[in-house]
Amino acid sequence: MNNKFDELTKSLAQSVTRRAALKKFGVSFAGIALACLGLASKAHAGSFKQCVNKCMGPCVDYYVSQGYNRDAATANCQAQCSFSCLHWP
């Protein structure tokens, strides 16, 4: 766990251009917006853990395709998927 956290903090500490930062912010915002609009509600057919697991794969793949490293993508998706699965009936 510490290793993943260390890698996440290192990736966050690297200098980023304004354009790249805005792009990453936009991708995060779009993911949250999609989750709020019901994308995650389809995944909530089972338990919370099943919902998160179903959400994580496509989410991580998307972030990696946008240039995130896998650890940062996993951390982002864990937060987004957990939030989505907690707040949908």
PDB file of N, CA and C in Angstrom:
ATOM      1  N   MET A   1       0.832  -1.197   0.000  1.00  0.00           N
ATOM      2  CA  MET A   1       0.000   0.000   0.000  1.00  0.00           C
ATOM      3  C   MET A   1       0.868   1.249   0.000  1.00  0.00           C
ATOM      4  N   ASN A   2       1.916   1.253   0.831  1.00  0.00           N
ATOM      5  CA  ASN A   2       2.795   2.419   0.875  1.00  0.00           C
ATOM      6  C   ASN A   2       3.433   2.692  -0.465  1.00  0.00           C
ATOM      7  N   ASN A   3       3.829   1.617  -1.163  1.00  0.00           N
ATOM      8  CA  ASN A   3       4.473   1.785  -2.456  1.00  0.00           C
ATOM      9  C   ASN A   3       3.540   2.476  -3.448  1.00  0.00           C
ATOM     10  N   LYS A   4       2.271   2.081  -3.476  1.00  0.00           N
ATOM     11  CA  LYS A   4       1.321   2.704  -4.385  1.00  0.00           C
ATOM     12  C   LYS A   4       1.101   4.168  -4.022  1.00  0.00           C
ATOM     13  N   PHE A   5       1.029   4.436  -2.715  1.00  0.00           N
ATOM     14  CA  PHE A   5       0.839   5.816  -2.273  1.00  0.00           C
ATOM     15  C   PHE A   5       2.058   6.661  -2.641  1.00  0.00           C
ATOM     16  N   ASP A   6       3.260   6.110  -2.444  1.00  0.00           N
ATOM     17  CA  ASP A   6       4.480   6.834  -2.803  1.00  0.00           C
ATOM     18  C   ASP A   6       4.517   7.146  -4.292  1.00  0.00           C
ATOM     19  N   GLU A   7       4.145   6.172  -5.119  1.00  0.00           N
ATOM     20  CA  GLU A   7       4.144   6.404  -6.562  1.00  0.00           C
ATOM     21  C   GLU A   7       3.100   7.445  -6.959  1.00  0.00           C
ATOM     22  N   LEU A   8       1.951   7.415  -6.289  1.00  0.00           N
ATOM     23  CA  LEU A   8       0.915   8.408  -6.572  1.00  0.00           C
ATOM     24  C   LEU A   8       1.411   9.812  -6.212  1.00  0.00           C
ATOM     25  N   THR A   9       2.030   9.950  -5.048  1.00  0.00           N
ATOM     26  CA  THR A   9       2.507  11.283  -4.648  1.00  0.00           C
ATOM     27  C   THR A   9       3.631  11.762  -5.560  1.00  0.00           C
ATOM     28  N   LYS A  10       4.485  10.846  -6.003  1.00  0.00           N
ATOM     29  CA  LYS A  10       5.545  11.235  -6.939  1.00  0.00           C
ATOM     30  C   LYS A  10       4.955  11.720  -8.260  1.00  0.00           C
ATOM     31  N   SER A  11       3.931  10.999  -8.743  1.00  0.00           N
ATOM     32  CA  SER A  11       3.333  11.406 -10.017  1.00  0.00           C
ATOM     33  C   SER A  11       2.606  12.737  -9.875  1.00  0.00           C
ATOM     34  N   LEU A  12       2.036  12.997  -8.706  1.00  0.00           N
ATOM     35  CA  LEU A  12       1.352  14.271  -8.486  1.00  0.00           C
ATOM     36  C   LEU A  12       2.335  15.425  -8.319  1.00  0.00           C
ATOM     37  N   ALA A  13       3.558  15.117  -7.853  1.00  0.00           N
ATOM     38  CA  ALA A  13       4.540  16.161  -7.600  1.00  0.00           C
ATOM     39  C   ALA A  13       5.279  16.602  -8.864  1.00  0.00           C
ATOM     40  N   GLN A  14       5.169  15.848  -9.939  1.00  0.00           N
ATOM     41  CA  GLN A  14       5.858  16.208 -11.175  1.00  0.00           C
ATOM     42  C   GLN A  14       5.228  17.451 -11.777  1.00  0.00           C
ATOM     43  N   SER A  15       6.071  18.244 -12.429  1.00  0.00           N
ATOM     44  CA  SER A  15       5.536  19.451 -13.059  1.00  0.00           C
ATOM     45  C   SER A  15       4.686  19.060 -14.264  1.00  0.00           C
ATOM     46  N   VAL A  16       3.604  19.783 -14.442  1.00  0.00           N
ATOM     47  CA  VAL A  16       2.648  19.488 -15.507  1.00  0.00           C
ATOM     48  C   VAL A  16       2.322  20.800 -16.209  1.00  0.00           C
ATOM     49  N   THR A  17       2.188  20.743 -17.521  1.00  0.00           N
ATOM     50  CA  THR A  17       1.803  21.950 -18.249  1.00  0.00           C
ATOM     51  C   THR A  17       0.355  22.299 -17.931  1.00  0.00           C
ATOM     52  N   ARG A  18       0.016  23.530 -18.139  1.00  0.00           N
ATOM     53  CA  ARG A  18      -1.347  23.975 -17.872  1.00  0.00           C
ATOM     54  C   ARG A  18      -2.343  23.203 -18.739  1.00  0.00           C
ATOM     55  N   ARG A  19      -1.983  22.983 -19.983  1.00  0.00           N
ATOM     56  CA  ARG A  19      -2.866  22.253 -20.896  1.00  0.00           C
ATOM     57  C   ARG A  19      -3.104  20.824 -20.405  1.00  0.00           C
ATOM     58  N   ALA A  20      -2.040  20.148 -19.975  1.00  0.00           N
ATOM     59  CA  ALA A  20      -2.179  18.774 -19.487  1.00  0.00           C
ATOM     60  C   ALA A  20      -3.004  18.731 -18.204  1.00  0.00           C
ATOM     61  N   ALA A  21      -2.797  19.706 -17.324  1.00  0.00           N
ATOM     62  CA  ALA A  21      -3.558  19.747 -16.076  1.00  0.00           C
ATOM     63  C   ALA A  21      -5.044  19.963 -16.359  1.00  0.00           C
ATOM     64  N   LEU A  22      -5.355  20.866 -17.269  1.00  0.00           N
ATOM     65  CA  LEU A  22      -6.751  21.110 -17.613  1.00  0.00           C
ATOM     66  C   LEU A  22      -7.386  19.885 -18.275  1.00  0.00           C
ATOM     67  N   LYS A  23      -6.605  19.194 -19.094  1.00  0.00           N
ATOM     68  CA  LYS A  23      -7.116  17.993 -19.755  1.00  0.00           C
ATOM     69  C   LYS A  23      -7.441  16.915 -18.714  1.00  0.00           C
ATOM     70  N   LYS A  24      -6.528  16.710 -17.761  1.00  0.00           N
ATOM     71  CA  LYS A  24      -6.765  15.703 -16.733  1.00  0.00           C
ATOM     72  C   LYS A  24      -7.935  16.094 -15.844  1.00  0.00           C
ATOM     73  N   PHE A  25      -8.045  17.375 -15.538  1.00  0.00           N
ATOM     74  CA  PHE A  25      -9.173  17.840 -14.738  1.00  0.00           C
ATOM     75  C   PHE A  25     -10.482  17.603 -15.505  1.00  0.00           C
ATOM     76  N   GLY A  26     -10.464  17.895 -16.784  1.00  0.00           N
ATOM     77  CA  GLY A  26     -11.658  17.695 -17.604  1.00  0.00           C
ATOM     78  C   GLY A  26     -12.069  16.237 -17.672  1.00  0.00           C
ATOM     79  N   VAL A  27     -11.093  15.335 -17.792  1.00  0.00           N
ATOM     80  CA  VAL A  27     -11.383  13.909 -17.834  1.00  0.00           C
ATOM     81  C   VAL A  27     -11.986  13.461 -16.504  1.00  0.00           C
ATOM     82  N   SER A  28     -11.420  13.932 -15.401  1.00  0.00           N
ATOM     83  CA  SER A  28     -11.955  13.584 -14.080  1.00  0.00           C
ATOM     84  C   SER A  28     -13.379  14.103 -13.923  1.00  0.00           C
ATOM     85  N   PHE A  29     -13.588  15.338 -14.328  1.00  0.00           N
ATOM     86  CA  PHE A  29     -14.914  15.943 -14.207  1.00  0.00           C
ATOM     87  C   PHE A  29     -15.927  15.191 -15.073  1.00  0.00           C
ATOM     88  N   ALA A  30     -15.512  14.805 -16.265  1.00  0.00           N
ATOM     89  CA  ALA A  30     -16.403  14.056 -17.155  1.00  0.00           C
ATOM     90  C   ALA A  30     -16.769  12.702 -16.541  1.00  0.00           C
ATOM     91  N   GLY A  31     -15.812  12.048 -15.920  1.00  0.00           N
ATOM     92  CA  GLY A  31     -16.085  10.770 -15.268  1.00  0.00           C
ATOM     93  C   GLY A  31     -17.079  10.909 -14.136  1.00  0.00           C
ATOM     94  N   ILE A  32     -16.901  11.942 -13.337  1.00  0.00           N
ATOM     95  CA  ILE A  32     -17.834  12.176 -12.236  1.00  0.00           C
ATOM     96  C   ILE A  32     -19.216  12.514 -12.782  1.00  0.00           C
ATOM     97  N   ALA A  33     -19.270  13.331 -13.827  1.00  0.00           N
ATOM     98  CA  ALA A  33     -20.555  13.703 -14.415  1.00  0.00           C
ATOM     99  C   ALA A  33     -21.278  12.476 -14.965  1.00  0.00           C
ATOM    100  N   LEU A  34     -20.547  11.602 -15.651  1.00  0.00           N
ATOM    101  CA  LEU A  34     -21.161  10.379 -16.176  1.00  0.00           C
ATOM    102  C   LEU A  34     -21.673   9.493 -15.043  1.00  0.00           C
ATOM    103  N   ALA A  35     -20.902   9.412 -13.982  1.00  0.00           N
ATOM    104  CA  ALA A  35     -21.329   8.605 -12.847  1.00  0.00           C
ATOM    105  C   ALA A  35     -22.601   9.177 -12.227  1.00  0.00           C
ATOM    106  N   CYS A  36     -22.671  10.483 -12.134  1.00  0.00           N
ATOM    107  CA  CYS A  36     -23.850  11.124 -11.551  1.00  0.00           C
ATOM    108  C   CYS A  36     -25.075  11.001 -12.454  1.00  0.00           C
ATOM    109  N   LEU A  37     -24.865  10.868 -13.743  1.00  0.00           N
ATOM    110  CA  LEU A  37     -25.985  10.775 -14.675  1.00  0.00           C
ATOM    111  C   LEU A  37     -26.525   9.359 -14.837  1.00  0.00           C
ATOM    112  N   GLY A  38     -25.928   8.416 -14.153  1.00  0.00           N
ATOM    113  CA  GLY A  38     -26.508   7.084 -14.173  1.00  0.00           C
ATOM    114  C   GLY A  38     -25.662   5.997 -14.780  1.00  0.00           C
ATOM    115  N   LEU A  39     -24.455   6.294 -15.190  1.00  0.00           N
ATOM    116  CA  LEU A  39     -23.605   5.252 -15.747  1.00  0.00           C
ATOM    117  C   LEU A  39     -23.366   4.160 -14.715  1.00  0.00           C
ATOM    118  N   ALA A  40     -23.173   4.537 -13.466  1.00  0.00           N
ATOM    119  CA  ALA A  40     -22.889   3.554 -12.425  1.00  0.00           C
ATOM    120  C   ALA A  40     -24.143   2.854 -11.930  1.00  0.00           C
ATOM    121  N   SER A  41     -25.299   3.402 -12.163  1.00  0.00           N
ATOM    122  CA  SER A  41     -26.516   2.766 -11.643  1.00  0.00           C
ATOM    123  C   SER A  41     -26.739   1.392 -12.265  1.00  0.00           C
ATOM    124  N   LYS A  42     -26.285   1.205 -13.477  1.00  0.00           N
ATOM    125  CA  LYS A  42     -26.404  -0.107 -14.112  1.00  0.00           C
ATOM    126  C   LYS A  42     -25.499  -1.122 -13.430  1.00  0.00           C
ATOM    127  N   ALA A  43     -24.381  -0.653 -12.891  1.00  0.00           N
ATOM    128  CA  ALA A  43     -23.425  -1.540 -12.250  1.00  0.00           C
ATOM    129  C   ALA A  43     -23.846  -1.909 -10.834  1.00  0.00           C
ATOM    130  N   HIS A  44     -24.885  -1.310 -10.318  1.00  0.00           N
ATOM    131  CA  HIS A  44     -25.267  -1.506  -8.928  1.00  0.00           C
ATOM    132  C   HIS A  44     -26.217  -2.684  -8.748  1.00  0.00           C
ATOM    133  N   ALA A  45     -26.223  -3.612  -9.645  1.00  0.00           N
ATOM    134  CA  ALA A  45     -27.138  -4.738  -9.574  1.00  0.00           C
ATOM    135  C   ALA A  45     -26.856  -5.623  -8.366  1.00  0.00           C
ATOM    136  N   GLY A  46     -25.619  -5.710  -7.922  1.00  0.00           N
ATOM    137  CA  GLY A  46     -25.260  -6.548  -6.782  1.00  0.00           C
ATOM    138  C   GLY A  46     -24.830  -5.721  -5.602  1.00  0.00           C
ATOM    139  N   SER A  47     -23.876  -6.237  -4.895  1.00  0.00           N
ATOM    140  CA  SER A  47     -23.378  -5.567  -3.709  1.00  0.00           C
ATOM    141  C   SER A  47     -22.460  -4.407  -4.080  1.00  0.00           C
ATOM    142  N   PHE A  48     -22.091  -3.637  -3.063  1.00  0.00           N
ATOM    143  CA  PHE A  48     -21.188  -2.504  -3.263  1.00  0.00           C
ATOM    144  C   PHE A  48     -19.870  -2.958  -3.888  1.00  0.00           C
ATOM    145  N   LYS A  49     -19.308  -4.031  -3.371  1.00  0.00           N
ATOM    146  CA  LYS A  49     -18.016  -4.521  -3.873  1.00  0.00           C
ATOM    147  C   LYS A  49     -18.119  -4.938  -5.341  1.00  0.00           C
ATOM    148  N   GLN A  50     -19.206  -5.605  -5.703  1.00  0.00           N
ATOM    149  CA  GLN A  50     -19.403  -5.999  -7.101  1.00  0.00           C
ATOM    150  C   GLN A  50     -19.535  -4.771  -7.987  1.00  0.00           C
ATOM    151  N   CYS A  51     -20.227  -3.770  -7.485  1.00  0.00           N
ATOM    152  CA  CYS A  51     -20.410  -2.532  -8.241  1.00  0.00           C
ATOM    153  C   CYS A  51     -19.061  -1.866  -8.511  1.00  0.00           C
ATOM    154  N   VAL A  52     -18.244  -1.753  -7.461  1.00  0.00           N
ATOM    155  CA  VAL A  52     -16.930  -1.121  -7.608  1.00  0.00           C
ATOM    156  C   VAL A  52     -16.065  -1.923  -8.569  1.00  0.00           C
ATOM    157  N   ASN A  53     -16.057  -3.245  -8.425  1.00  0.00           N
ATOM    158  CA  ASN A  53     -15.241  -4.088  -9.306  1.00  0.00           C
ATOM    159  C   ASN A  53     -15.668  -3.958 -10.766  1.00  0.00           C
ATOM    160  N   LYS A  54     -16.961  -3.867 -11.007  1.00  0.00           N
ATOM    161  CA  LYS A  54     -17.457  -3.739 -12.379  1.00  0.00           C
ATOM    162  C   LYS A  54     -17.090  -2.375 -12.974  1.00  0.00           C
ATOM    163  N   CYS A  55     -17.055  -1.366 -12.138  1.00  0.00           N
ATOM    164  CA  CYS A  55     -16.741  -0.004 -12.574  1.00  0.00           C
ATOM    165  C   CYS A  55     -15.238   0.188 -12.825  1.00  0.00           C
ATOM    166  N   MET A  56     -14.407  -0.478 -12.025  1.00  0.00           N
ATOM    167  CA  MET A  56     -12.962  -0.220 -12.031  1.00  0.00           C
ATOM    168  C   MET A  56     -12.277  -0.535 -13.367  1.00  0.00           C
ATOM    169  N   GLY A  57     -12.567  -1.669 -13.967  1.00  0.00           N
ATOM    170  CA  GLY A  57     -11.864  -2.081 -15.180  1.00  0.00           C
ATOM    171  C   GLY A  57     -11.938  -1.063 -16.308  1.00  0.00           C
ATOM    172  N   PRO A  58     -13.142  -0.715 -16.756  1.00  0.00           N
ATOM    173  CA  PRO A  58     -13.244   0.266 -17.841  1.00  0.00           C
ATOM    174  C   PRO A  58     -12.713   1.640 -17.454  1.00  0.00           C
ATOM    175  N   CYS A  59     -12.900   2.013 -16.193  1.00  0.00           N
ATOM    176  CA  CYS A  59     -12.435   3.324 -15.734  1.00  0.00           C
ATOM    177  C   CYS A  59     -10.906   3.402 -15.804  1.00  0.00           C
ATOM    178  N   VAL A  60     -10.221   2.402 -15.268  1.00  0.00           N
ATOM    179  CA  VAL A  60      -8.753   2.393 -15.285  1.00  0.00           C
ATOM    180  C   VAL A  60      -8.252   2.360 -16.721  1.00  0.00           C
ATOM    181  N   ASP A  61      -8.851   1.538 -17.559  1.00  0.00           N
ATOM    182  CA  ASP A  61      -8.430   1.472 -18.966  1.00  0.00           C
ATOM    183  C   ASP A  61      -8.560   2.834 -19.644  1.00  0.00           C
ATOM    184  N   TYR A  62      -9.642   3.536 -19.337  1.00  0.00           N
ATOM    185  CA  TYR A  62      -9.848   4.854 -19.938  1.00  0.00           C
ATOM    186  C   TYR A  62      -8.767   5.838 -19.489  1.00  0.00           C
ATOM    187  N   TYR A  63      -8.507   5.906 -18.200  1.00  0.00           N
ATOM    188  CA  TYR A  63      -7.497   6.847 -17.696  1.00  0.00           C
ATOM    189  C   TYR A  63      -6.106   6.523 -18.243  1.00  0.00           C
ATOM    190  N   VAL A  64      -5.775   5.234 -18.329  1.00  0.00           N
ATOM    191  CA  VAL A  64      -4.471   4.848 -18.880  1.00  0.00           C
ATOM    192  C   VAL A  64      -4.380   5.284 -20.339  1.00  0.00           C
ATOM    193  N   SER A  65      -5.483   5.158 -21.085  1.00  0.00           N
ATOM    194  CA  SER A  65      -5.473   5.583 -22.484  1.00  0.00           C
ATOM    195  C   SER A  65      -5.328   7.104 -22.617  1.00  0.00           C
ATOM    196  N   GLN A  66      -5.642   7.834 -21.547  1.00  0.00           N
ATOM    197  CA  GLN A  66      -5.516   9.287 -21.555  1.00  0.00           C
ATOM    198  C   GLN A  66      -4.153   9.755 -21.053  1.00  0.00           C
ATOM    199  N   GLY A  67      -3.257   8.825 -20.721  1.00  0.00           N
ATOM    200  CA  GLY A  67      -1.899   9.193 -20.351  1.00  0.00           C
ATOM    201  C   GLY A  67      -1.572   9.080 -18.872  1.00  0.00           C
ATOM    202  N   TYR A  68      -2.513   8.684 -18.046  1.00  0.00           N
ATOM    203  CA  TYR A  68      -2.229   8.482 -16.629  1.00  0.00           C
ATOM    204  C   TYR A  68      -1.419   7.208 -16.460  1.00  0.00           C
ATOM    205  N   ASN A  69      -0.569   7.167 -15.411  1.00  0.00           N
ATOM    206  CA  ASN A  69       0.067   5.891 -15.117  1.00  0.00           C
ATOM    207  C   ASN A  69      -0.973   5.024 -14.402  1.00  0.00           C
ATOM    208  N   ARG A  70      -0.771   3.725 -14.374  1.00  0.00           N
ATOM    209  CA  ARG A  70      -1.788   2.796 -13.868  1.00  0.00           C
ATOM    210  C   ARG A  70      -2.118   3.055 -12.399  1.00  0.00           C
ATOM    211  N   ASP A  71      -1.131   3.420 -11.577  1.00  0.00           N
ATOM    212  CA  ASP A  71      -1.396   3.653 -10.159  1.00  0.00           C
ATOM    213  C   ASP A  71      -2.266   4.888  -9.951  1.00  0.00           C
ATOM    214  N   ALA A  72      -1.981   5.958 -10.666  1.00  0.00           N
ATOM    215  CA  ALA A  72      -2.796   7.168 -10.557  1.00  0.00           C
ATOM    216  C   ALA A  72      -4.200   6.910 -11.092  1.00  0.00           C
ATOM    217  N   ALA A  73      -4.305   6.149 -12.173  1.00  0.00           N
ATOM    218  CA  ALA A  73      -5.619   5.817 -12.736  1.00  0.00           C
ATOM    219  C   ALA A  73      -6.426   4.989 -11.745  1.00  0.00           C
ATOM    220  N   THR A  74      -5.770   4.034 -11.098  1.00  0.00           N
ATOM    221  CA  THR A  74      -6.458   3.189 -10.122  1.00  0.00           C
ATOM    222  C   THR A  74      -6.948   4.012  -8.943  1.00  0.00           C
ATOM    223  N   ALA A  75      -6.125   4.936  -8.461  1.00  0.00           N
ATOM    224  CA  ALA A  75      -6.530   5.785  -7.341  1.00  0.00           C
ATOM    225  C   ALA A  75      -7.725   6.664  -7.729  1.00  0.00           C
ATOM    226  N   ASN A  76      -7.673   7.254  -8.912  1.00  0.00           N
ATOM    227  CA  ASN A  76      -8.791   8.081  -9.391  1.00  0.00           C
ATOM    228  C   ASN A  76     -10.065   7.258  -9.495  1.00  0.00           C
ATOM    229  N   CYS A  77      -9.960   6.099 -10.103  1.00  0.00           N
ATOM    230  CA  CYS A  77     -11.142   5.271 -10.333  1.00  0.00           C
ATOM    231  C   CYS A  77     -11.694   4.701  -9.034  1.00  0.00           C
ATOM    232  N   GLN A  78     -10.824   4.391  -8.100  1.00  0.00           N
ATOM    233  CA  GLN A  78     -11.304   3.870  -6.814  1.00  0.00           C
ATOM    234  C   GLN A  78     -12.201   4.904  -6.149  1.00  0.00           C
ATOM    235  N   ALA A  79     -11.771   6.148  -6.174  1.00  0.00           N
ATOM    236  CA  ALA A  79     -12.572   7.213  -5.563  1.00  0.00           C
ATOM    237  C   ALA A  79     -13.883   7.415  -6.332  1.00  0.00           C
ATOM    238  N   GLN A  80     -13.809   7.483  -7.641  1.00  0.00           N
ATOM    239  CA  GLN A  80     -15.016   7.714  -8.449  1.00  0.00           C
ATOM    240  C   GLN A  80     -15.996   6.556  -8.352  1.00  0.00           C
ATOM    241  N   CYS A  81     -15.499   5.336  -8.462  1.00  0.00           N
ATOM    242  CA  CYS A  81     -16.391   4.176  -8.433  1.00  0.00           C
ATOM    243  C   CYS A  81     -17.005   3.990  -7.051  1.00  0.00           C
ATOM    244  N   SER A  82     -16.219   4.210  -5.999  1.00  0.00           N
ATOM    245  CA  SER A  82     -16.760   4.089  -4.645  1.00  0.00           C
ATOM    246  C   SER A  82     -17.862   5.113  -4.424  1.00  0.00           C
ATOM    247  N   PHE A  83     -17.621   6.334  -4.845  1.00  0.00           N
ATOM    248  CA  PHE A  83     -18.626   7.386  -4.690  1.00  0.00           C
ATOM    249  C   PHE A  83     -19.893   7.032  -5.464  1.00  0.00           C
ATOM    250  N   SER A  84     -19.721   6.597  -6.694  1.00  0.00           N
ATOM    251  CA  SER A  84     -20.873   6.265  -7.529  1.00  0.00           C
ATOM    252  C   SER A  84     -21.682   5.118  -6.954  1.00  0.00           C
ATOM    253  N   CYS A  85     -20.992   4.093  -6.481  1.00  0.00           N
ATOM    254  CA  CYS A  85     -21.695   2.915  -5.977  1.00  0.00           C
ATOM    255  C   CYS A  85     -22.341   3.175  -4.609  1.00  0.00           C
ATOM    256  N   LEU A  86     -21.789   4.075  -3.838  1.00  0.00           N
ATOM    257  CA  LEU A  86     -22.395   4.419  -2.554  1.00  0.00           C
ATOM    258  C   LEU A  86     -23.665   5.227  -2.706  1.00  0.00           C
ATOM    259  N   HIS A  87     -23.709   6.086  -3.708  1.00  0.00           N
ATOM    260  CA  HIS A  87     -24.800   7.042  -3.825  1.00  0.00           C
ATOM    261  C   HIS A  87     -25.896   6.666  -4.804  1.00  0.00           C
ATOM    262  N   TRP A  88     -25.885   5.433  -5.287  1.00  0.00           N
ATOM    263  CA  TRP A  88     -26.971   4.972  -6.158  1.00  0.00           C
ATOM    264  C   TRP A  88     -27.709   3.854  -5.460  1.00  0.00           C
ATOM    265  N   PRO A  89     -28.992   3.876  -5.481  1.00  0.00           N
ATOM    266  CA  PRO A  89     -29.795   2.848  -4.775  1.00  0.00           C
ATOM    267  C   PRO A  89     -29.628   1.469  -5.359  1.00  0.00           C
TER     268      PRO A  89
END
